[in-house]
Each structure stands twice: as C-alpha cells, then as structure tokens.
Protein backbone atom coordinates (compact mmCIF):
# COMPACT_ATOMS: atom_id res chain seq x y z
CA MET A 1 0.00 0.00 0.00
CA ASP A 2 1.46 3.39 -0.96
CA LEU A 3 1.73 6.19 1.57
CA ILE A 4 -1.25 8.22 0.32
CA LYS A 5 -3.56 5.17 0.41
CA GLU A 6 -2.26 4.30 3.87
CA PHE A 7 -2.85 7.88 5.02
CA LYS A 8 -6.42 7.93 3.66
CA THR A 9 -7.24 4.57 5.24
CA SER A 10 -5.83 5.65 8.62
CA MET A 11 -7.70 8.98 8.57
CA LEU A 12 -10.98 7.28 7.64
CA ASP A 13 -10.53 4.69 10.38
CA PHE A 14 -9.85 7.48 12.85
CA SER A 15 -12.94 9.32 11.62
CA LEU A 16 -15.35 6.39 11.71
CA LYS A 17 -14.02 4.15 14.47
CA GLU A 18 -12.27 6.36 17.01
CA ILE A 19 -13.76 9.86 16.90
CA PRO A 20 -17.28 8.78 18.03
CA ASN A 21 -15.77 7.20 21.17
CA LEU A 22 -13.35 10.06 21.85
CA LEU A 23 -15.71 13.03 21.56
CA PRO A 24 -17.72 12.28 24.76
CA LEU A 25 -14.41 12.31 26.69
CA CYS A 26 -13.40 15.78 25.48
CA SER A 27 -14.82 18.12 28.11
CA THR A 28 -11.75 20.41 28.12
CA GLU A 29 -9.45 21.85 25.47
CA THR A 30 -6.56 19.87 26.96
CA GLN A 31 -8.49 16.61 26.52
CA THR A 32 -9.46 17.58 22.98
CA ARG A 33 -5.83 18.21 22.06
CA ALA A 34 -4.59 14.99 23.68
CA SER A 35 -7.39 12.73 22.40
CA ILE A 36 -8.02 14.10 18.92
CA ILE A 37 -5.50 16.67 17.67
CA ASP A 38 -2.37 14.72 18.63
CA LYS A 39 -3.73 11.64 16.82
CA PHE A 40 -4.77 13.75 13.84
CA LEU A 41 -1.22 15.10 13.59
CA LYS A 42 0.23 11.62 13.95
CA ILE A 43 -1.79 10.41 10.94
CA LEU A 44 -0.42 13.40 9.04
CA GLY A 45 3.05 12.11 9.86
CA TYR A 46 3.99 14.48 12.70
CA ASP A 47 5.25 13.37 16.09
CA SER A 48 3.62 15.67 18.65
CA THR A 49 6.09 14.44 21.30
CA ASN A 50 9.06 15.69 19.26
CA PRO A 51 9.66 19.41 19.94
CA LEU A 52 11.61 19.65 16.66
CA GLU A 53 8.43 18.76 14.76
CA VAL A 54 5.59 20.08 16.91
CA SER A 55 5.81 22.89 19.42
CA HIS A 56 3.10 22.99 22.09
CA GLU A 57 2.07 26.37 23.54
CA PHE A 58 4.11 28.09 20.85
CA ILE A 59 4.97 31.67 21.82
CA ALA A 60 3.52 34.25 19.43
CA ASP A 61 4.35 37.73 20.71
CA VAL A 62 1.78 40.21 19.41
CA GLY A 63 3.18 43.73 19.35
CA ILE A 64 3.90 44.82 22.90
CA LYS A 65 2.00 41.79 24.27
CA LYS A 66 4.61 39.18 25.15
CA GLY A 67 4.08 35.53 25.93
CA GLU A 68 0.93 35.00 23.84
CA LYS A 69 0.69 31.30 23.02
CA VAL A 70 -0.92 29.31 20.21
CA ASP A 71 -1.78 25.69 20.99
CA TYR A 72 0.49 24.12 18.36
CA ALA A 73 3.04 25.08 15.76
CA ILE A 74 4.24 22.53 13.23
CA LEU A 75 7.91 23.16 12.61
CA LYS A 76 10.19 22.67 9.64
CA ASN A 77 13.89 23.48 9.84
CA LYS A 78 13.21 24.96 13.31
CA GLU A 79 10.69 27.49 11.94
CA ASP A 80 6.92 27.39 12.35
CA VAL A 81 5.04 26.58 9.13
CA ILE A 82 1.52 25.80 10.42
CA LEU A 83 -0.21 27.25 13.49
CA ILE A 84 -3.07 25.34 15.13
CA GLU A 85 -5.56 26.72 17.64
CA CYS A 86 -7.92 24.25 19.30
CA LYS A 87 -11.26 24.86 21.02
CA LEU A 88 -13.78 22.59 22.74
CA PRO A 89 -15.96 20.35 20.51
CA SER A 90 -18.94 22.47 21.60
CA SER A 91 -17.35 25.61 20.14
CA LYS A 92 -19.01 27.07 17.04
CA LEU A 93 -15.63 28.37 15.76
CA THR A 94 -17.10 31.83 15.32
CA GLU A 95 -15.40 34.79 13.68
CA GLN A 96 -15.01 36.33 17.11
CA GLU A 97 -13.16 33.24 18.36
CA SER A 98 -10.95 33.17 15.27
CA GLY A 99 -9.76 36.70 16.13
CA GLN A 100 -7.32 35.14 18.59
CA LEU A 101 -5.77 33.01 15.84
CA ILE A 102 -5.60 36.03 13.53
CA ARG A 103 -3.53 37.87 16.15
CA TYR A 104 -1.19 34.91 16.55
CA TYR A 105 -0.79 34.58 12.79
CA GLN A 106 0.27 38.20 12.46
CA ALA A 107 2.60 38.02 15.45
CA THR A 108 6.13 39.27 14.96
CA THR A 109 7.59 35.95 16.10
CA THR A 110 5.66 33.70 13.68
CA LYS A 111 6.51 32.84 10.07
CA SER A 112 3.68 30.44 9.25
CA LYS A 113 1.81 30.64 5.96
CA PHE A 114 -0.96 28.33 7.16
CA ALA A 115 -3.23 28.22 10.20
CA ILE A 116 -5.78 25.67 11.37
CA PHE A 117 -8.72 26.53 13.61
CA THR A 118 -10.50 23.48 15.05
CA ASN A 119 -12.80 22.18 17.74
CA GLY A 120 -11.68 18.60 17.11
CA VAL A 121 -14.62 17.98 14.79
CA LYS A 122 -14.61 20.84 12.33
CA PHE A 123 -11.31 21.97 10.88
CA LYS A 124 -10.82 25.31 9.10
CA PHE A 125 -7.63 25.97 7.15
CA TYR A 126 -6.48 29.55 6.53
CA SER A 127 -3.65 31.27 4.71
CA GLU A 128 -2.67 34.73 3.46
CA PHE A 129 -3.81 34.77 -0.16
CA GLU A 130 -5.46 38.19 -0.05
CA GLU A 131 -2.70 40.11 1.70
CA PRO A 132 0.83 39.03 2.73
CA ASN A 133 1.39 38.40 6.46
CA LYS A 134 -2.31 38.84 7.20
CA MET A 135 -4.53 35.82 7.74
CA ASP A 136 -7.54 35.67 5.41
CA LEU A 137 -10.93 35.91 7.09
CA ILE A 138 -12.33 33.13 4.89
CA PRO A 139 -10.87 29.59 5.11
CA PHE A 140 -9.66 28.04 1.86
CA PHE A 141 -10.55 24.57 3.13
CA GLU A 142 -12.82 23.20 5.83
CA PHE A 143 -14.22 19.81 6.72
CA ASP A 144 -16.03 17.82 9.39
CA ILE A 145 -13.85 14.92 10.52
CA THR A 146 -16.94 12.78 11.18
CA LYS A 147 -18.04 13.23 7.54
CA LEU A 148 -14.83 12.98 5.54
CA LYS A 149 -15.08 12.98 1.75
CA ASP A 150 -12.47 11.80 -0.72
CA ASP A 151 -11.81 15.40 -1.78
CA ASP A 152 -11.13 16.30 1.87
CA LEU A 153 -8.55 13.54 2.07
CA ASN A 154 -6.93 14.65 -1.19
CA VAL A 155 -6.50 18.19 0.13
CA LEU A 156 -5.29 16.94 3.51
CA SER A 157 -2.62 14.82 1.83
CA TRP A 158 -0.88 18.06 0.76
CA PHE A 159 -0.26 18.72 4.47
CA HIS A 160 1.18 15.29 5.23
CA LYS A 161 4.75 15.59 6.48
CA GLU A 162 6.13 13.56 3.56
CA PHE A 163 4.49 15.75 0.91
CA PHE A 164 4.29 19.16 2.56
CA VAL A 165 6.49 21.76 0.86
CA VAL A 166 5.49 25.25 2.00
CA ASN A 167 5.69 27.16 -1.28
CA ARG A 168 4.29 24.35 -3.42
CA THR A 169 1.39 23.72 -1.06
CA PHE A 170 0.78 27.47 -0.76
CA GLU A 171 0.46 27.88 -4.55
CA THR A 172 -1.79 24.82 -4.86
CA MET A 173 -4.09 25.99 -2.08
CA ARG A 174 -4.06 29.55 -3.44
CA GLU A 175 -5.43 28.26 -6.74
CA ARG A 176 -8.07 26.29 -4.83
CA TYR A 177 -9.05 29.38 -2.83
CA TYR A 178 -9.55 31.56 -5.89
CA VAL A 179 -11.31 28.90 -7.95
CA ILE A 180 -13.84 28.46 -5.13
CA LYS A 181 -14.16 32.23 -4.81
CA LEU A 182 -14.74 32.58 -8.57
CA LYS A 183 -17.36 29.83 -8.57
CA ASN A 184 -19.19 31.44 -5.65
CA THR A 185 -19.07 34.85 -7.33
CA ILE A 186 -20.32 33.49 -10.67
CA SER A 187 -23.09 31.57 -8.91
CA SER A 188 -24.08 34.71 -7.00
CA GLU A 189 -24.18 36.77 -10.19
CA LEU A 190 -26.32 34.18 -11.97
CA ASN A 191 -28.81 34.11 -9.10
CA ALA A 192 -28.86 37.83 -8.35
CA PRO A 193 -26.97 39.80 -11.03
CA SER A 194 -25.30 42.95 -9.79
CA ARG A 195 -25.46 46.30 -11.55
CA GLU A 196 -21.84 45.86 -12.69
CA PHE A 197 -22.60 42.43 -14.19
CA LYS A 198 -25.60 43.79 -16.08
CA GLN A 199 -23.53 46.67 -17.40
CA LEU A 200 -20.86 44.23 -18.60
CA LEU A 201 -23.50 42.21 -20.50
CA ILE A 202 -24.99 45.33 -22.06
CA LYS A 203 -21.57 46.37 -23.28
CA LYS A 204 -20.59 42.88 -24.51
CA VAL A 205 -23.89 41.67 -25.98
CA PHE A 206 -25.84 44.72 -27.03
CA LYS A 207 -22.84 46.93 -27.82
CA ASP A 208 -24.77 49.82 -26.34
CA ARG A 209 -23.74 52.68 -24.12
CA LEU A 210 -24.01 52.40 -20.35
CA SER A 211 -26.87 54.63 -19.29
CA GLU A 212 -29.68 54.37 -16.76
CA SER A 213 -32.29 54.11 -19.51
CA ASN A 214 -30.42 51.28 -21.22
CA LEU A 215 -29.95 49.49 -17.90
CA LEU A 216 -33.70 49.61 -17.31
CA TYR A 217 -34.47 48.58 -20.89
CA TYR A 218 -32.12 45.59 -21.07
CA THR A 219 -32.59 44.23 -17.53
CA PRO A 220 -35.68 42.13 -18.48
CA PHE A 221 -33.66 40.55 -21.32
CA ILE A 222 -30.86 39.68 -18.91
CA ASP A 223 -33.21 38.36 -16.23
CA LYS A 224 -35.02 36.15 -18.74
CA ALA A 225 -31.77 34.74 -20.13
CA LEU A 226 -30.44 33.94 -16.65
CA ASN A 227 -33.75 32.42 -15.56
CA GLU A 228 -33.79 30.13 -18.61
CA MET A 229 -30.21 29.08 -17.82
CA ARG A 230 -31.15 28.22 -14.25
CA THR A 231 -34.19 26.16 -15.24
CA SER A 232 -32.74 24.39 -18.27
C-alpha cells in the first residue's frame, strides 16, 4: 500500500471508528488536544512528542504583548510553518473566536503561511492569499472529521509531512481558494446579477452605451436569459 492510500485509510478509520468514542471524553481543550489533535497530527506524519516537529504552547508575541501562546506550531527546519488553535468540541468556531488566531498569525515571532482553527470535529484551514502576512478571514478549506469525503482527504494529503512543501502547497491551495471564490461569485451573479454584471453584458452583448435608460431597458432581457439558464 502506498503512503497516500495508507494515510487515507488511517484517517478514515480514525474518523469512523475512534472519533465517536473520543468526543464524549473531550470536556476540556486539553483533553481535545490529547485525544483528537495529537492523533490527527500523527496520521499526518507528525510526532507531537518531538519538539523539533511540533511545538506545544508556541509563543507568538503580538506587538507589545509578550508571551501569547498558540496551541500548536508545526515546525520545519526549526521554523513554524503551520499554526493550530484548538477549542472545545462544543465551540461554534465563530469569527469572534478566530480573532485570537488572527492575532497569533500576524505576530512578529511567527513565520507560518498556514493556520488551522479546530474544535476537534470541524477543521478550518487559513492562509494569506489576499494580503501578505495577514490571515484571510475566509478559510480556503474546511471539513467535518466525522463526515470525511475523498476530496477532503486529497487536500489533507498536501499537508502530510512527507508531501508538505510550504511554497508548493501554498500555490496549490491559493489556486483552490480563488477557484472556489470565482465559482461562488459566478453563482451569485447568476442568481442575483449585480449592476456591474448587467452593465458588462450590455456592453458585450448589445454593444450599447451604459446609461440608466439602457440598464432599465435591457434588464428584463438579462433576467429572462439567466432564468432560462437556471431552469434548463
């Protein structure tokens, strides 16, 4: 069995056979880290007992605030490459809660290009595709470990120790991020076309000038075309 198949099998076994028994035991963040996150990292090839691979309570000084700590940092060549912040399984992983991870990510002492926010069940992966050294507000990848899909496992394999190369993984995930963003934007425009989208169609299709009267005149044409596309 090759390494990727072995990884997928181990992660699925963990998901289906172990997680249901472990979750009821995770009443604290410490228990969640020990029972779920450490095993999750082990399947990804990292030894959470080796401080050269995984740093626990990694110091992330934020401005004048010293001694701020993120739960985990995966290390490569003695530098952090992935930050991980863990909450209780009952956590909703809200934007407000993720603010703590955002601060850590932008800390002067961290160099990571990836961050994971998790409650042991849901995992959200972030990077800095929109602006360098600033964690994006929208995850480029998220999954529920109790409902793993093959695509989830394919993406996760890029973060396995044996395959993880920072720049290569960054570029691959950056493409994924923008493809998803493009698909969501296109879908949104098809369902509720914006003024800018209508103006683009008027210019491209009707070769007419962009005026309020033309916008009003051509909007029914556009709406009918989009409606027929949606129902065909």
